[in-house]
Amino acid sequence: IIDRYVAREVLGPFAVDVGLLTFALVTGKLLKLMDMVVNH
């Protein structure tokens, strides 16, 4: 019980944070990627 409970409390924010942080890193490349779409 306690293992599942603590793991759920950690895994929930972890999954959200992986998505948000990865999106933030990809956003840094979006301008160059959009330049490839528009100009190349």
Full PDB file with SEQRES, HELIX, SHEET, SSBOND, CRYST1, ORIGX, SCALE, CONECT and MASTER records, all heavy atoms in Angstrom:
SEQRES   1 A   40  ILE ILE ASP ARG TYR VAL ALA ARG GLU VAL LEU GLY PRO          
SEQRES   2 A   40  PHE ALA VAL ASP VAL GLY LEU LEU THR PHE ALA LEU VAL          
SEQRES   3 A   40  THR GLY LYS LEU LEU LYS LEU MET ASP MET VAL VAL ASN          
SEQRES   4 A   40  HIS                                                          
HELIX    1 AA1 ILE A    2  ASN A   39  1                                  38    
CRYST1    1.000    1.000    1.000  90.00  90.00  90.00 P 1           1          
ORIGX1      1.000000  0.000000  0.000000        0.00000                         
ORIGX2      0.000000  1.000000  0.000000        0.00000                         
ORIGX3      0.000000  0.000000  1.000000        0.00000                         
SCALE1      1.000000  0.000000  0.000000        0.00000                         
SCALE2      0.000000  1.000000  0.000000        0.00000                         
SCALE3      0.000000  0.000000  1.000000        0.00000                         
ATOM      1  N   ILE A   1       0.825  -1.207   0.000  1.00  0.00           N  
ATOM      2  CA  ILE A   1       0.000   0.000   0.000  1.00  0.00           C  
ATOM      3  C   ILE A   1       0.860   1.257   0.000  1.00  0.00           C  
ATOM      4  O   ILE A   1       0.687   2.144  -0.834  1.00  0.00           O  
ATOM      5  CB  ILE A   1      -0.949   0.008   1.217  1.00  0.00           C  
ATOM      6  CG1 ILE A   1      -1.937  -1.154   1.121  1.00  0.00           C  
ATOM      7  CG2 ILE A   1      -1.693   1.335   1.313  1.00  0.00           C  
ATOM      8  CD1 ILE A   1      -2.855  -1.278   2.309  1.00  0.00           C  
ATOM      9  N   ILE A   2       1.791   1.335   0.918  1.00  0.00           N  
ATOM     10  CA  ILE A   2       2.579   2.568   1.027  1.00  0.00           C  
ATOM     11  C   ILE A   2       3.503   2.733  -0.167  1.00  0.00           C  
ATOM     12  O   ILE A   2       3.753   3.854  -0.632  1.00  0.00           O  
ATOM     13  CB  ILE A   2       3.371   2.579   2.360  1.00  0.00           C  
ATOM     14  CG1 ILE A   2       3.891   4.003   2.611  1.00  0.00           C  
ATOM     15  CG2 ILE A   2       4.526   1.578   2.339  1.00  0.00           C  
ATOM     16  CD1 ILE A   2       4.453   4.194   4.001  1.00  0.00           C  
ATOM     17  N   ASP A   3       4.026   1.623  -0.709  1.00  0.00           N  
ATOM     18  CA  ASP A   3       4.891   1.723  -1.879  1.00  0.00           C  
ATOM     19  C   ASP A   3       4.127   2.244  -3.098  1.00  0.00           C  
ATOM     20  O   ASP A   3       4.602   3.125  -3.816  1.00  0.00           O  
ATOM     21  CB  ASP A   3       5.506   0.362  -2.196  1.00  0.00           C  
ATOM     22  CG  ASP A   3       6.683   0.051  -1.278  1.00  0.00           C  
ATOM     23  OD1 ASP A   3       7.045   0.922  -0.475  1.00  0.00           O  
ATOM     24  OD2 ASP A   3       7.230  -1.062  -1.370  1.00  0.00           O  
ATOM     25  N   ARG A   4       2.942   1.677  -3.310  1.00  0.00           N  
ATOM     26  CA  ARG A   4       2.142   2.132  -4.450  1.00  0.00           C  
ATOM     27  C   ARG A   4       1.737   3.584  -4.274  1.00  0.00           C  
ATOM     28  O   ARG A   4       1.722   4.350  -5.243  1.00  0.00           O  
ATOM     29  CB  ARG A   4       0.906   1.237  -4.621  1.00  0.00           C  
ATOM     30  CG  ARG A   4       1.199  -0.149  -5.152  1.00  0.00           C  
ATOM     31  CD  ARG A   4      -0.077  -0.790  -5.689  1.00  0.00           C  
ATOM     32  NE  ARG A   4      -1.083  -0.927  -4.640  1.00  0.00           N  
ATOM     33  CZ  ARG A   4      -1.245  -2.012  -3.893  1.00  0.00           C  
ATOM     34  NH1 ARG A   4      -0.436  -3.056  -4.070  1.00  0.00           N  
ATOM     35  NH2 ARG A   4      -2.178  -2.073  -2.968  1.00  0.00           N  
ATOM     36  N   TYR A   5       1.391   3.955  -3.069  1.00  0.00           N  
ATOM     37  CA  TYR A   5       0.928   5.319  -2.818  1.00  0.00           C  
ATOM     38  C   TYR A   5       2.048   6.328  -3.061  1.00  0.00           C  
ATOM     39  O   TYR A   5       1.862   7.331  -3.766  1.00  0.00           O  
ATOM     40  CB  TYR A   5       0.422   5.435  -1.378  1.00  0.00           C  
ATOM     41  CG  TYR A   5      -0.163   6.797  -1.046  1.00  0.00           C  
ATOM     42  CD1 TYR A   5      -1.433   7.145  -1.470  1.00  0.00           C  
ATOM     43  CD2 TYR A   5       0.581   7.733  -0.329  1.00  0.00           C  
ATOM     44  CE1 TYR A   5      -1.964   8.391  -1.180  1.00  0.00           C  
ATOM     45  CE2 TYR A   5       0.059   8.981  -0.036  1.00  0.00           C  
ATOM     46  CZ  TYR A   5      -1.210   9.310  -0.463  1.00  0.00           C  
ATOM     47  OH  TYR A   5      -1.732  10.545  -0.181  1.00  0.00           O  
ATOM     48  N   VAL A   6       3.218   6.086  -2.479  1.00  0.00           N  
ATOM     49  CA  VAL A   6       4.351   7.011  -2.653  1.00  0.00           C  
ATOM     50  C   VAL A   6       4.797   7.044  -4.110  1.00  0.00           C  
ATOM     51  O   VAL A   6       5.090   8.116  -4.657  1.00  0.00           O  
ATOM     52  CB  VAL A   6       5.520   6.605  -1.730  1.00  0.00           C  
ATOM     53  CG1 VAL A   6       6.745   7.457  -2.023  1.00  0.00           C  
ATOM     54  CG2 VAL A   6       5.122   6.746  -0.271  1.00  0.00           C  
ATOM     55  N   ALA A   7       4.816   5.877  -4.760  1.00  0.00           N  
ATOM     56  CA  ALA A   7       5.234   5.835  -6.172  1.00  0.00           C  
ATOM     57  C   ALA A   7       4.279   6.640  -7.044  1.00  0.00           C  
ATOM     58  O   ALA A   7       4.714   7.356  -7.955  1.00  0.00           O  
ATOM     59  CB  ALA A   7       5.305   4.386  -6.654  1.00  0.00           C  
ATOM     60  N   ARG A   8       2.961   6.531  -6.778  1.00  0.00           N  
ATOM     61  CA  ARG A   8       1.996   7.320  -7.555  1.00  0.00           C  
ATOM     62  C   ARG A   8       2.199   8.814  -7.353  1.00  0.00           C  
ATOM     63  O   ARG A   8       2.094   9.595  -8.295  1.00  0.00           O  
ATOM     64  CB  ARG A   8       0.564   6.922  -7.177  1.00  0.00           C  
ATOM     65  CG  ARG A   8       0.068   5.638  -7.792  1.00  0.00           C  
ATOM     66  CD  ARG A   8      -1.457   5.567  -7.725  1.00  0.00           C  
ATOM     67  NE  ARG A   8      -1.941   5.682  -6.356  1.00  0.00           N  
ATOM     68  CZ  ARG A   8      -2.170   4.654  -5.549  1.00  0.00           C  
ATOM     69  NH1 ARG A   8      -1.943   3.426  -5.967  1.00  0.00           N  
ATOM     70  NH2 ARG A   8      -2.618   4.844  -4.317  1.00  0.00           N  
ATOM     71  N   GLU A   9       2.467   9.208  -6.114  1.00  0.00           N  
ATOM     72  CA  GLU A   9       2.682  10.629  -5.824  1.00  0.00           C  
ATOM     73  C   GLU A   9       3.899  11.181  -6.558  1.00  0.00           C  
ATOM     74  O   GLU A   9       3.954  12.372  -6.881  1.00  0.00           O  
ATOM     75  CB  GLU A   9       2.841  10.840  -4.319  1.00  0.00           C  
ATOM     76  CG  GLU A   9       1.578  10.602  -3.517  1.00  0.00           C  
ATOM     77  CD  GLU A   9       0.486  11.601  -3.866  1.00  0.00           C  
ATOM     78  OE1 GLU A   9       0.809  12.780  -4.098  1.00  0.00           O  
ATOM     79  OE2 GLU A   9      -0.692  11.202  -3.901  1.00  0.00           O  
ATOM     80  N   VAL A  10       4.879  10.339  -6.814  1.00  0.00           N  
ATOM     81  CA  VAL A  10       6.105  10.776  -7.508  1.00  0.00           C  
ATOM     82  C   VAL A  10       5.965  10.658  -9.019  1.00  0.00           C  
ATOM     83  O   VAL A  10       6.392  11.544  -9.769  1.00  0.00           O  
ATOM     84  CB  VAL A  10       7.313   9.957  -7.007  1.00  0.00           C  
ATOM     85  CG1 VAL A  10       8.550  10.250  -7.847  1.00  0.00           C  
ATOM     86  CG2 VAL A  10       7.581  10.251  -5.536  1.00  0.00           C  
ATOM     87  N   LEU A  11       5.358   9.560  -9.476  1.00  0.00           N  
ATOM     88  CA  LEU A  11       5.272   9.318 -10.917  1.00  0.00           C  
ATOM     89  C   LEU A  11       4.363  10.313 -11.626  1.00  0.00           C  
ATOM     90  O   LEU A  11       4.608  10.663 -12.790  1.00  0.00           O  
ATOM     91  CB  LEU A  11       4.778   7.889 -11.177  1.00  0.00           C  
ATOM     92  CG  LEU A  11       5.815   6.782 -10.962  1.00  0.00           C  
ATOM     93  CD1 LEU A  11       5.158   5.413 -11.087  1.00  0.00           C  
ATOM     94  CD2 LEU A  11       6.940   6.914 -11.982  1.00  0.00           C  
ATOM     95  N   GLY A  12       3.296  10.760 -10.945  1.00  0.00           N  
ATOM     96  CA  GLY A  12       2.392  11.731 -11.575  1.00  0.00           C  
ATOM     97  C   GLY A  12       3.107  13.006 -11.976  1.00  0.00           C  
ATOM     98  O   GLY A  12       3.137  13.364 -13.168  1.00  0.00           O  
ATOM     99  N   PRO A  13       3.724  13.733 -11.023  1.00  0.00           N  
ATOM    100  CA  PRO A  13       4.468  14.938 -11.397  1.00  0.00           C  
ATOM    101  C   PRO A  13       5.632  14.644 -12.333  1.00  0.00           C  
ATOM    102  O   PRO A  13       5.953  15.458 -13.201  1.00  0.00           O  
ATOM    103  CB  PRO A  13       4.967  15.482 -10.054  1.00  0.00           C  
ATOM    104  CG  PRO A  13       4.068  14.891  -9.029  1.00  0.00           C  
ATOM    105  CD  PRO A  13       3.667  13.557  -9.565  1.00  0.00           C  
ATOM    106  N   PHE A  14       6.262  13.478 -12.175  1.00  0.00           N  
ATOM    107  CA  PHE A  14       7.396  13.126 -13.039  1.00  0.00           C  
ATOM    108  C   PHE A  14       6.968  13.064 -14.505  1.00  0.00           C  
ATOM    109  O   PHE A  14       7.639  13.619 -15.382  1.00  0.00           O  
ATOM    110  CB  PHE A  14       7.983  11.783 -12.604  1.00  0.00           C  
ATOM    111  CG  PHE A  14       8.935  11.183 -13.598  1.00  0.00           C  
ATOM    112  CD1 PHE A  14      10.223  11.676 -13.727  1.00  0.00           C  
ATOM    113  CD2 PHE A  14       8.542  10.137 -14.424  1.00  0.00           C  
ATOM    114  CE1 PHE A  14      11.109  11.129 -14.648  1.00  0.00           C  
ATOM    115  CE2 PHE A  14       9.406   9.590 -15.348  1.00  0.00           C  
ATOM    116  CZ  PHE A  14      10.696  10.084 -15.463  1.00  0.00           C  
ATOM    117  N   ALA A  15       5.853  12.399 -14.786  1.00  0.00           N  
ATOM    118  CA  ALA A  15       5.383  12.280 -16.171  1.00  0.00           C  
ATOM    119  C   ALA A  15       5.039  13.648 -16.753  1.00  0.00           C  
ATOM    120  O   ALA A  15       5.377  13.952 -17.912  1.00  0.00           O  
ATOM    121  CB  ALA A  15       4.172  11.356 -16.229  1.00  0.00           C  
ATOM    122  N   VAL A  16       4.363  14.485 -15.956  1.00  0.00           N  
ATOM    123  CA  VAL A  16       4.036  15.839 -16.434  1.00  0.00           C  
ATOM    124  C   VAL A  16       5.298  16.647 -16.685  1.00  0.00           C  
ATOM    125  O   VAL A  16       5.416  17.349 -17.703  1.00  0.00           O  
ATOM    126  CB  VAL A  16       3.118  16.544 -15.409  1.00  0.00           C  
ATOM    127  CG1 VAL A  16       2.879  17.987 -15.836  1.00  0.00           C  
ATOM    128  CG2 VAL A  16       1.791  15.803 -15.274  1.00  0.00           C  
ATOM    129  N   ASP A  17       6.263  16.551 -15.786  1.00  0.00           N  
ATOM    130  CA  ASP A  17       7.493  17.333 -15.911  1.00  0.00           C  
ATOM    131  C   ASP A  17       8.318  16.892 -17.111  1.00  0.00           C  
ATOM    132  O   ASP A  17       8.946  17.724 -17.770  1.00  0.00           O  
ATOM    133  CB  ASP A  17       8.332  17.213 -14.639  1.00  0.00           C  
ATOM    134  CG  ASP A  17       7.634  17.820 -13.435  1.00  0.00           C  
ATOM    135  OD1 ASP A  17       6.813  18.730 -13.646  1.00  0.00           O  
ATOM    136  OD2 ASP A  17       7.892  17.385 -12.301  1.00  0.00           O  
ATOM    137  N   VAL A  18       8.329  15.600 -17.408  1.00  0.00           N  
ATOM    138  CA  VAL A  18       9.053  15.124 -18.594  1.00  0.00           C  
ATOM    139  C   VAL A  18       8.479  15.783 -19.849  1.00  0.00           C  
ATOM    140  O   VAL A  18       9.216  16.267 -20.722  1.00  0.00           O  
ATOM    141  CB  VAL A  18       8.973  13.590 -18.714  1.00  0.00           C  
ATOM    142  CG1 VAL A  18       9.441  13.134 -20.093  1.00  0.00           C  
ATOM    143  CG2 VAL A  18       9.845  12.930 -17.658  1.00  0.00           C  
ATOM    144  N   GLY A  19       7.145  15.825 -19.939  1.00  0.00           N  
ATOM    145  CA  GLY A  19       6.517  16.458 -21.096  1.00  0.00           C  
ATOM    146  C   GLY A  19       6.804  17.951 -21.182  1.00  0.00           C  
ATOM    147  O   GLY A  19       7.149  18.457 -22.252  1.00  0.00           O  
ATOM    148  N   LEU A  20       6.673  18.648 -20.057  1.00  0.00           N  
ATOM    149  CA  LEU A  20       6.881  20.100 -20.062  1.00  0.00           C  
ATOM    150  C   LEU A  20       8.334  20.462 -20.355  1.00  0.00           C  
ATOM    151  O   LEU A  20       8.618  21.370 -21.154  1.00  0.00           O  
ATOM    152  CB  LEU A  20       6.447  20.688 -18.720  1.00  0.00           C  
ATOM    153  CG  LEU A  20       4.951  20.646 -18.412  1.00  0.00           C  
ATOM    154  CD1 LEU A  20       4.675  21.198 -17.019  1.00  0.00           C  
ATOM    155  CD2 LEU A  20       4.159  21.442 -19.456  1.00  0.00           C  
ATOM    156  N   LEU A  21       9.271  19.772 -19.705  1.00  0.00           N  
ATOM    157  CA  LEU A  21      10.684  20.093 -19.893  1.00  0.00           C  
ATOM    158  C   LEU A  21      11.141  19.752 -21.309  1.00  0.00           C  
ATOM    159  O   LEU A  21      11.914  20.504 -21.912  1.00  0.00           O  
ATOM    160  CB  LEU A  21      11.525  19.343 -18.867  1.00  0.00           C  
ATOM    161  CG  LEU A  21      11.314  19.749 -17.402  1.00  0.00           C  
ATOM    162  CD1 LEU A  21      12.058  18.801 -16.465  1.00  0.00           C  
ATOM    163  CD2 LEU A  21      11.776  21.185 -17.172  1.00  0.00           C  
ATOM    164  N   THR A  22      10.676  18.630 -21.839  1.00  0.00           N  
ATOM    165  CA  THR A  22      11.040  18.260 -23.209  1.00  0.00           C  
ATOM    166  C   THR A  22      10.469  19.262 -24.203  1.00  0.00           C  
ATOM    167  O   THR A  22      11.140  19.663 -25.163  1.00  0.00           O  
ATOM    168  CB  THR A  22      10.535  16.848 -23.536  1.00  0.00           C  
ATOM    169  OG1 THR A  22      11.048  15.922 -22.559  1.00  0.00           O  
ATOM    170  CG2 THR A  22      10.995  16.420 -24.916  1.00  0.00           C  
ATOM    171  N   PHE A  23       9.225  19.687 -23.967  1.00  0.00           N  
ATOM    172  CA  PHE A  23       8.624  20.694 -24.846  1.00  0.00           C  
ATOM    173  C   PHE A  23       9.406  22.006 -24.797  1.00  0.00           C  
ATOM    174  O   PHE A  23       9.605  22.662 -25.822  1.00  0.00           O  
ATOM    175  CB  PHE A  23       7.177  20.938 -24.437  1.00  0.00           C  
ATOM    176  CG  PHE A  23       6.495  22.019 -25.236  1.00  0.00           C  
ATOM    177  CD1 PHE A  23       6.057  21.772 -26.521  1.00  0.00           C  
ATOM    178  CD2 PHE A  23       6.310  23.291 -24.702  1.00  0.00           C  
ATOM    179  CE1 PHE A  23       5.436  22.772 -27.266  1.00  0.00           C  
ATOM    180  CE2 PHE A  23       5.700  24.290 -25.430  1.00  0.00           C  
ATOM    181  CZ  PHE A  23       5.257  24.033 -26.721  1.00  0.00           C  
ATOM    182  N   ALA A  24       9.898  22.375 -23.600  1.00  0.00           N  
ATOM    183  CA  ALA A  24      10.684  23.600 -23.468  1.00  0.00           C  
ATOM    184  C   ALA A  24      11.981  23.508 -24.258  1.00  0.00           C  
ATOM    185  O   ALA A  24      12.400  24.486 -24.905  1.00  0.00           O  
ATOM    186  CB  ALA A  24      10.975  23.883 -21.996  1.00  0.00           C  
ATOM    187  N   LEU A  25      12.633  22.346 -24.249  1.00  0.00           N  
ATOM    188  CA  LEU A  25      13.871  22.174 -25.004  1.00  0.00           C  
ATOM    189  C   LEU A  25      13.602  22.176 -26.509  1.00  0.00           C  
ATOM    190  O   LEU A  25      14.364  22.760 -27.285  1.00  0.00           O  
ATOM    191  CB  LEU A  25      14.563  20.878 -24.598  1.00  0.00           C  
ATOM    192  CG  LEU A  25      15.147  20.845 -23.182  1.00  0.00           C  
ATOM    193  CD1 LEU A  25      15.712  19.464 -22.883  1.00  0.00           C  
ATOM    194  CD2 LEU A  25      16.225  21.905 -23.010  1.00  0.00           C  
ATOM    195  N   VAL A  26      12.508  21.531 -26.914  1.00  0.00           N  
ATOM    196  CA  VAL A  26      12.175  21.501 -28.349  1.00  0.00           C  
ATOM    197  C   VAL A  26      11.821  22.897 -28.840  1.00  0.00           C  
ATOM    198  O   VAL A  26      12.139  23.275 -29.975  1.00  0.00           O  
ATOM    199  CB  VAL A  26      11.017  20.515 -28.607  1.00  0.00           C  
ATOM    200  CG1 VAL A  26      10.527  20.620 -30.057  1.00  0.00           C  
ATOM    201  CG2 VAL A  26      11.463  19.091 -28.309  1.00  0.00           C  
ATOM    202  N   THR A  27      11.167  23.687 -27.977  1.00  0.00           N  
ATOM    203  CA  THR A  27      10.790  25.051 -28.366  1.00  0.00           C  
ATOM    204  C   THR A  27      12.016  25.867 -28.757  1.00  0.00           C  
ATOM    205  O   THR A  27      11.945  26.723 -29.650  1.00  0.00           O  
ATOM    206  CB  THR A  27      10.046  25.736 -27.206  1.00  0.00           C  
ATOM    207  OG1 THR A  27       8.898  24.962 -26.862  1.00  0.00           O  
ATOM    208  CG2 THR A  27       9.597  27.133 -27.606  1.00  0.00           C  
ATOM    209  N   GLY A  28      13.155  25.600 -28.094  1.00  0.00           N  
ATOM    210  CA  GLY A  28      14.376  26.325 -28.442  1.00  0.00           C  
ATOM    211  C   GLY A  28      14.842  26.065 -29.864  1.00  0.00           C  
ATOM    212  O   GLY A  28      15.592  26.866 -30.434  1.00  0.00           O  
ATOM    213  N   LYS A  29      14.416  24.937 -30.453  1.00  0.00           N  
ATOM    214  CA  LYS A  29      14.791  24.601 -31.830  1.00  0.00           C  
ATOM    215  C   LYS A  29      13.709  24.968 -32.840  1.00  0.00           C  
ATOM    216  O   LYS A  29      13.931  24.839 -34.048  1.00  0.00           O  
ATOM    217  CB  LYS A  29      15.066  23.102 -31.931  1.00  0.00           C  
ATOM    218  CG  LYS A  29      16.242  22.612 -31.094  1.00  0.00           C  
ATOM    219  CD  LYS A  29      17.560  23.079 -31.658  1.00  0.00           C  
ATOM    220  CE  LYS A  29      18.716  22.478 -30.874  1.00  0.00           C  
ATOM    221  NZ  LYS A  29      20.022  22.947 -31.383  1.00  0.00           N  
ATOM    222  N   LEU A  30      12.551  25.418 -32.362  1.00  0.00           N  
ATOM    223  CA  LEU A  30      11.431  25.634 -33.277  1.00  0.00           C  
ATOM    224  C   LEU A  30      11.717  26.698 -34.327  1.00  0.00           C  
ATOM    225  O   LEU A  30      11.318  26.572 -35.481  1.00  0.00           O  
ATOM    226  CB  LEU A  30      10.166  25.999 -32.483  1.00  0.00           C  
ATOM    227  CG  LEU A  30       9.462  24.841 -31.775  1.00  0.00           C  
ATOM    228  CD1 LEU A  30       8.226  25.331 -31.058  1.00  0.00           C  
ATOM    229  CD2 LEU A  30       9.102  23.742 -32.769  1.00  0.00           C  
ATOM    230  N   LEU A  31      12.399  27.785 -33.929  1.00  0.00           N  
ATOM    231  CA  LEU A  31      12.690  28.844 -34.889  1.00  0.00           C  
ATOM    232  C   LEU A  31      13.535  28.327 -36.042  1.00  0.00           C  
ATOM    233  O   LEU A  31      13.276  28.624 -37.215  1.00  0.00           O  
ATOM    234  CB  LEU A  31      13.383  30.010 -34.185  1.00  0.00           C  
ATOM    235  CG  LEU A  31      12.512  30.826 -33.213  1.00  0.00           C  
ATOM    236  CD1 LEU A  31      13.343  31.921 -32.557  1.00  0.00           C  
ATOM    237  CD2 LEU A  31      11.319  31.435 -33.941  1.00  0.00           C  
ATOM    238  N   LYS A  32      14.563  27.523 -35.715  1.00  0.00           N  
ATOM    239  CA  LYS A  32      15.398  26.966 -36.777  1.00  0.00           C  
ATOM    240  C   LYS A  32      14.627  25.954 -37.611  1.00  0.00           C  
ATOM    241  O   LYS A  32      14.796  25.888 -38.833  1.00  0.00           O  
ATOM    242  CB  LYS A  32      16.631  26.308 -36.166  1.00  0.00           C  
ATOM    243  CG  LYS A  32      17.586  27.299 -35.515  1.00  0.00           C  
ATOM    244  CD  LYS A  32      18.806  26.607 -34.952  1.00  0.00           C  
ATOM    245  CE  LYS A  32      19.759  27.625 -34.322  1.00  0.00           C  
ATOM    246  NZ  LYS A  32      20.971  26.974 -33.760  1.00  0.00           N  
ATOM    247  N   LEU A  33      13.760  25.188 -36.958  1.00  0.00           N  
ATOM    248  CA  LEU A  33      12.960  24.222 -37.698  1.00  0.00           C  
ATOM    249  C   LEU A  33      11.960  24.918 -38.608  1.00  0.00           C  
ATOM    250  O   LEU A  33      11.742  24.489 -39.757  1.00  0.00           O  
ATOM    251  CB  LEU A  33      12.237  23.291 -36.726  1.00  0.00           C  
ATOM    252  CG  LEU A  33      13.129  22.343 -35.918  1.00  0.00           C  
ATOM    253  CD1 LEU A  33      12.302  21.601 -34.874  1.00  0.00           C  
ATOM    254  CD2 LEU A  33      13.832  21.345 -36.825  1.00  0.00           C  
ATOM    255  N   MET A  34      11.347  26.002 -38.134  1.00  0.00           N  
ATOM    256  CA  MET A  34      10.416  26.746 -38.968  1.00  0.00           C  
ATOM    257  C   MET A  34      11.146  27.424 -40.130  1.00  0.00           C  
ATOM    258  O   MET A  34      10.592  27.577 -41.220  1.00  0.00           O  
ATOM    259  CB  MET A  34       9.679  27.788 -38.132  1.00  0.00           C  
ATOM    260  CG  MET A  34       8.653  27.195 -37.152  1.00  0.00           C  
ATOM    261  SD  MET A  34       7.366  26.211 -37.983  1.00  0.00           S  
ATOM    262  CE  MET A  34       7.951  24.526 -37.669  1.00  0.00           C  
ATOM    263  N   ASP A  35      12.394  27.826 -39.886  1.00  0.00           N  
ATOM    264  CA  ASP A  35      13.192  28.397 -40.976  1.00  0.00           C  
ATOM    265  C   ASP A  35      13.415  27.358 -42.066  1.00  0.00           C  
ATOM    266  O   ASP A  35      13.421  27.682 -43.256  1.00  0.00           O  
ATOM    267  CB  ASP A  35      14.529  28.891 -40.421  1.00  0.00           C  
ATOM    268  CG  ASP A  35      15.430  29.434 -41.517  1.00  0.00           C  
ATOM    269  OD1 ASP A  35      15.130  30.531 -42.037  1.00  0.00           O  
ATOM    270  OD2 ASP A  35      16.428  28.766 -41.871  1.00  0.00           O  
ATOM    271  N   MET A  36      13.593  26.104 -41.673  1.00  0.00           N  
ATOM    272  CA  MET A  36      13.758  25.041 -42.660  1.00  0.00           C  
ATOM    273  C   MET A  36      12.484  24.862 -43.482  1.00  0.00           C  
ATOM    274  O   MET A  36      12.532  24.574 -44.680  1.00  0.00           O  
ATOM    275  CB  MET A  36      14.124  23.736 -41.961  1.00  0.00           C  
ATOM    276  CG  MET A  36      15.471  23.763 -41.256  1.00  0.00           C  
ATOM    277  SD  MET A  36      15.824  22.243 -40.363  1.00  0.00           S  
ATOM    278  CE  MET A  36      16.032  21.095 -41.707  1.00  0.00           C  
ATOM    279  N   VAL A  37      11.324  25.051 -42.834  1.00  0.00           N  
ATOM    280  CA  VAL A  37      10.052  24.905 -43.546  1.00  0.00           C  
ATOM    281  C   VAL A  37       9.836  26.060 -44.518  1.00  0.00           C  
ATOM    282  O   VAL A  37       9.470  25.872 -45.681  1.00  0.00           O  
ATOM    283  CB  VAL A  37       8.882  24.821 -42.541  1.00  0.00           C  
ATOM    284  CG1 VAL A  37       7.540  24.829 -43.267  1.00  0.00           C  
ATOM    285  CG2 VAL A  37       9.008  23.575 -41.683  1.00  0.00           C  
ATOM    286  N   VAL A  38      10.101  27.297 -44.032  1.00  0.00           N  
ATOM    287  CA  VAL A  38       9.788  28.489 -44.825  1.00  0.00           C  
ATOM    288  C   VAL A  38      10.811  28.720 -45.933  1.00  0.00           C  
ATOM    289  O   VAL A  38      10.450  28.987 -47.085  1.00  0.00           O  
ATOM    290  CB  VAL A  38       9.692  29.731 -43.903  1.00  0.00           C  
ATOM    291  CG1 VAL A  38       9.485  30.993 -44.733  1.00  0.00           C  
ATOM    292  CG2 VAL A  38       8.566  29.558 -42.903  1.00  0.00           C  
ATOM    293  N   ASN A  39      12.096  28.612 -45.585  1.00  0.00           N  
ATOM    294  CA  ASN A  39      13.151  29.017 -46.524  1.00  0.00           C  
ATOM    295  C   ASN A  39      13.806  27.868 -47.271  1.00  0.00           C  
ATOM    296  O   ASN A  39      14.516  28.106 -48.248  1.00  0.00           O  
ATOM    297  CB  ASN A  39      14.235  29.806 -45.784  1.00  0.00           C  
ATOM    298  CG  ASN A  39      13.705  31.102 -45.192  1.00  0.00           C  
ATOM    299  OD1 ASN A  39      12.850  31.758 -45.781  1.00  0.00           O  
ATOM    300  ND2 ASN A  39      14.200  31.472 -44.020  1.00  0.00           N  
ATOM    301  N   HIS A  40      13.616  26.632 -46.815  1.00  0.00           N  
ATOM    302  CA  HIS A  40      14.306  25.516 -47.449  1.00  0.00           C  
ATOM    303  C   HIS A  40      13.355  24.474 -48.019  1.00  0.00           C  
ATOM    304  O   HIS A  40      13.797  23.416 -48.455  1.00  0.00           O  
ATOM    305  CB  HIS A  40      15.252  24.858 -46.444  1.00  0.00           C  
ATOM    306  CG  HIS A  40      16.337  25.768 -45.964  1.00  0.00           C  
ATOM    307  ND1 HIS A  40      17.542  25.917 -46.614  1.00  0.00           N  
ATOM    308  CD2 HIS A  40      16.391  26.609 -44.899  1.00  0.00           C  
ATOM    309  CE1 HIS A  40      18.301  26.787 -45.961  1.00  0.00           C  
ATOM    310  NE2 HIS A  40      17.612  27.220 -44.919  1.00  0.00           N  
TER     311      HIS A  40                                                      
MASTER        0    0    0    1    0    0    0    6  310    1    0    4          
END                                                                             
